[in-house]
N, C-alpha and C. Protein backbone atom coordinates (compact mmCIF):
# COMPACT_ATOMS: atom_id res chain seq x y z
N MET A 1 25.94 -0.62 43.44
CA MET A 1 25.52 -1.98 43.22
C MET A 1 24.17 -2.22 43.90
N LYS A 2 23.20 -2.70 43.19
CA LYS A 2 21.87 -2.97 43.74
C LYS A 2 21.73 -4.41 44.21
N LEU A 3 22.62 -5.28 43.84
CA LEU A 3 22.51 -6.69 44.21
C LEU A 3 22.62 -6.91 45.71
N PRO A 4 23.56 -6.28 46.46
CA PRO A 4 23.60 -6.48 47.91
C PRO A 4 22.33 -6.02 48.62
N LEU A 5 21.65 -5.01 48.11
CA LEU A 5 20.41 -4.54 48.72
C LEU A 5 19.26 -5.50 48.42
N LEU A 6 19.30 -6.17 47.31
CA LEU A 6 18.23 -7.07 46.90
C LEU A 6 18.17 -8.31 47.79
N PHE A 7 19.30 -8.83 48.23
CA PHE A 7 19.33 -10.04 49.04
C PHE A 7 18.60 -9.88 50.38
N PRO A 8 18.84 -8.78 51.16
CA PRO A 8 18.07 -8.63 52.41
C PRO A 8 16.57 -8.49 52.18
N LEU A 9 16.17 -7.82 51.11
CA LEU A 9 14.75 -7.66 50.83
C LEU A 9 14.09 -9.00 50.51
N ILE A 10 14.77 -9.83 49.75
CA ILE A 10 14.24 -11.15 49.43
C ILE A 10 14.18 -12.01 50.69
N SER A 11 15.19 -11.93 51.54
CA SER A 11 15.22 -12.70 52.79
C SER A 11 14.06 -12.32 53.70
N VAL A 12 13.80 -11.03 53.86
CA VAL A 12 12.69 -10.56 54.69
C VAL A 12 11.37 -11.02 54.08
N GLY A 13 11.24 -10.96 52.79
CA GLY A 13 10.01 -11.40 52.12
C GLY A 13 9.74 -12.88 52.34
N LEU A 14 10.79 -13.70 52.27
CA LEU A 14 10.61 -15.13 52.50
C LEU A 14 10.25 -15.42 53.95
N LEU A 15 10.85 -14.69 54.89
CA LEU A 15 10.51 -14.88 56.30
C LEU A 15 9.06 -14.51 56.57
N LEU A 16 8.58 -13.43 55.99
CA LEU A 16 7.19 -13.03 56.19
C LEU A 16 6.22 -14.01 55.53
N ALA A 17 6.61 -14.63 54.45
CA ALA A 17 5.75 -15.59 53.77
C ALA A 17 5.53 -16.83 54.62
N TRP A 18 6.47 -17.17 55.48
CA TRP A 18 6.35 -18.37 56.32
C TRP A 18 5.79 -18.07 57.70
N THR A 19 5.37 -16.84 57.95
CA THR A 19 4.80 -16.47 59.24
C THR A 19 3.42 -17.09 59.38
N PRO A 20 3.16 -17.87 60.45
CA PRO A 20 1.84 -18.48 60.62
C PRO A 20 0.78 -17.42 60.92
N LEU A 21 -0.42 -17.66 60.44
CA LEU A 21 -1.52 -16.75 60.69
C LEU A 21 -2.38 -17.29 61.83
N PRO A 22 -2.97 -16.42 62.65
CA PRO A 22 -3.78 -16.91 63.76
C PRO A 22 -5.08 -17.53 63.27
N ALA A 23 -5.56 -18.52 64.01
CA ALA A 23 -6.83 -19.16 63.69
C ALA A 23 -7.98 -18.27 64.16
N GLN A 24 -9.18 -18.62 63.77
CA GLN A 24 -10.35 -17.89 64.20
C GLN A 24 -10.52 -18.06 65.70
N THR A 25 -10.83 -16.98 66.38
CA THR A 25 -11.05 -17.04 67.82
C THR A 25 -12.52 -16.81 68.11
N ALA A 26 -12.91 -17.01 69.36
CA ALA A 26 -14.30 -16.81 69.75
C ALA A 26 -14.72 -15.36 69.53
N ASP A 27 -13.78 -14.42 69.63
CA ASP A 27 -14.10 -13.01 69.41
C ASP A 27 -14.49 -12.73 67.97
N ASP A 28 -13.96 -13.53 67.03
CA ASP A 28 -14.27 -13.32 65.62
C ASP A 28 -15.73 -13.61 65.31
N THR A 29 -16.35 -14.52 66.03
CA THR A 29 -17.72 -14.91 65.73
C THR A 29 -18.73 -13.92 66.30
N ASP A 30 -18.31 -13.02 67.21
CA ASP A 30 -19.25 -12.08 67.81
C ASP A 30 -19.79 -11.07 66.80
N THR A 31 -19.06 -10.80 65.74
CA THR A 31 -19.47 -9.80 64.78
C THR A 31 -20.30 -10.40 63.64
N GLU A 32 -20.40 -11.71 63.58
CA GLU A 32 -21.14 -12.35 62.50
C GLU A 32 -22.64 -12.31 62.80
N THR A 33 -23.43 -12.46 61.75
CA THR A 33 -24.87 -12.51 61.95
C THR A 33 -25.25 -13.83 62.59
N PRO A 34 -26.28 -13.84 63.42
CA PRO A 34 -26.68 -15.08 64.07
C PRO A 34 -27.22 -16.08 63.05
N PRO A 35 -27.08 -17.38 63.34
CA PRO A 35 -27.59 -18.39 62.40
C PRO A 35 -29.12 -18.34 62.35
N PRO A 36 -29.70 -18.84 61.27
CA PRO A 36 -31.16 -18.83 61.17
C PRO A 36 -31.79 -19.76 62.20
N PRO A 37 -33.04 -19.53 62.56
CA PRO A 37 -33.71 -20.40 63.53
C PRO A 37 -33.70 -21.86 63.06
N GLY A 38 -33.45 -22.77 64.00
CA GLY A 38 -33.41 -24.18 63.67
C GLY A 38 -32.04 -24.68 63.23
N ALA A 39 -31.07 -23.78 63.07
CA ALA A 39 -29.73 -24.18 62.62
C ALA A 39 -28.92 -24.70 63.80
N THR A 40 -27.96 -25.56 63.51
CA THR A 40 -27.02 -26.05 64.51
C THR A 40 -25.63 -25.57 64.11
N VAL A 41 -24.92 -24.95 65.06
CA VAL A 41 -23.58 -24.42 64.81
C VAL A 41 -22.59 -25.26 65.60
N ILE A 42 -21.58 -25.80 64.92
CA ILE A 42 -20.56 -26.61 65.56
C ILE A 42 -19.22 -25.91 65.40
N THR A 43 -18.53 -25.70 66.53
CA THR A 43 -17.18 -25.15 66.49
C THR A 43 -16.24 -26.17 67.12
N SER A 44 -15.02 -26.25 66.59
CA SER A 44 -14.05 -27.23 67.10
C SER A 44 -12.65 -26.77 66.75
N ASP A 45 -11.67 -27.43 67.38
CA ASP A 45 -10.27 -27.15 67.06
C ASP A 45 -9.91 -27.69 65.69
N GLU A 46 -10.40 -28.88 65.36
CA GLU A 46 -10.10 -29.51 64.07
C GLU A 46 -11.33 -30.19 63.50
N LEU A 47 -11.36 -30.29 62.19
CA LEU A 47 -12.42 -31.01 61.48
C LEU A 47 -11.77 -31.85 60.40
N HIS A 48 -12.10 -33.13 60.40
CA HIS A 48 -11.65 -34.04 59.34
C HIS A 48 -12.91 -34.57 58.66
N SER A 49 -12.99 -34.39 57.35
CA SER A 49 -14.19 -34.75 56.62
C SER A 49 -13.85 -35.66 55.45
N ASP A 50 -14.64 -36.71 55.28
CA ASP A 50 -14.47 -37.65 54.16
C ASP A 50 -15.66 -37.47 53.23
N GLN A 51 -15.42 -36.92 52.06
CA GLN A 51 -16.48 -36.65 51.11
C GLN A 51 -17.07 -37.92 50.50
N GLN A 52 -16.30 -38.99 50.46
CA GLN A 52 -16.79 -40.25 49.89
C GLN A 52 -17.83 -40.91 50.80
N THR A 53 -17.55 -40.95 52.10
CA THR A 53 -18.45 -41.62 53.05
C THR A 53 -19.41 -40.65 53.74
N HIS A 54 -19.24 -39.35 53.50
CA HIS A 54 -20.07 -38.31 54.12
C HIS A 54 -19.97 -38.36 55.65
N ILE A 55 -18.75 -38.59 56.16
CA ILE A 55 -18.50 -38.62 57.60
C ILE A 55 -17.55 -37.49 57.96
N SER A 56 -17.93 -36.71 58.97
CA SER A 56 -17.08 -35.65 59.48
C SER A 56 -16.80 -35.91 60.94
N VAL A 57 -15.54 -35.70 61.36
CA VAL A 57 -15.14 -35.93 62.74
C VAL A 57 -14.58 -34.61 63.29
N PHE A 58 -15.23 -34.08 64.32
CA PHE A 58 -14.78 -32.88 64.99
C PHE A 58 -13.94 -33.30 66.20
N THR A 59 -12.76 -32.70 66.37
CA THR A 59 -11.90 -33.06 67.50
C THR A 59 -11.44 -31.80 68.23
N GLY A 60 -10.91 -32.01 69.43
CA GLY A 60 -10.44 -30.90 70.25
C GLY A 60 -11.57 -30.36 71.09
N ARG A 61 -11.60 -29.06 71.26
CA ARG A 61 -12.68 -28.43 72.03
C ARG A 61 -13.88 -28.27 71.10
N VAL A 62 -14.85 -29.15 71.23
CA VAL A 62 -16.02 -29.16 70.34
C VAL A 62 -17.23 -28.64 71.09
N VAL A 63 -17.95 -27.71 70.46
CA VAL A 63 -19.18 -27.18 71.03
C VAL A 63 -20.22 -27.17 69.91
N ALA A 64 -21.37 -27.81 70.18
CA ALA A 64 -22.49 -27.80 69.24
C ALA A 64 -23.64 -27.05 69.91
N VAL A 65 -24.15 -26.02 69.24
CA VAL A 65 -25.22 -25.20 69.78
C VAL A 65 -26.38 -25.23 68.80
N GLY A 66 -27.55 -25.58 69.32
CA GLY A 66 -28.76 -25.61 68.50
C GLY A 66 -29.83 -24.71 69.11
N THR A 67 -31.05 -24.87 68.62
CA THR A 67 -32.14 -24.01 69.08
C THR A 67 -32.40 -24.17 70.57
N ASN A 68 -32.40 -25.41 71.06
CA ASN A 68 -32.71 -25.61 72.47
C ASN A 68 -31.70 -26.53 73.16
N PHE A 69 -30.45 -26.52 72.69
CA PHE A 69 -29.42 -27.34 73.34
C PHE A 69 -28.03 -26.75 73.13
N ARG A 70 -27.13 -27.14 74.02
CA ARG A 70 -25.69 -26.82 73.90
C ARG A 70 -24.94 -28.04 74.38
N MET A 71 -24.12 -28.61 73.49
CA MET A 71 -23.39 -29.83 73.80
C MET A 71 -21.89 -29.57 73.67
N THR A 72 -21.11 -30.00 74.68
CA THR A 72 -19.66 -29.84 74.63
C THR A 72 -18.99 -31.19 74.69
């Protein structure tokens, strides 16, 4: 009977599908190319953006880095 073997495989597949994935860490950005001169890079825990009003709100640990400044 193949049906009893199918149930554990489906159960494991469903459990793996609900496994959370890690967010980007500071180590992930070390391998990326640097931004072009004059660019501002903002990193944060969360970003909420409203496309209608063109307003974005960065929350959590926020760091903005530009050509001659670093703001936390």
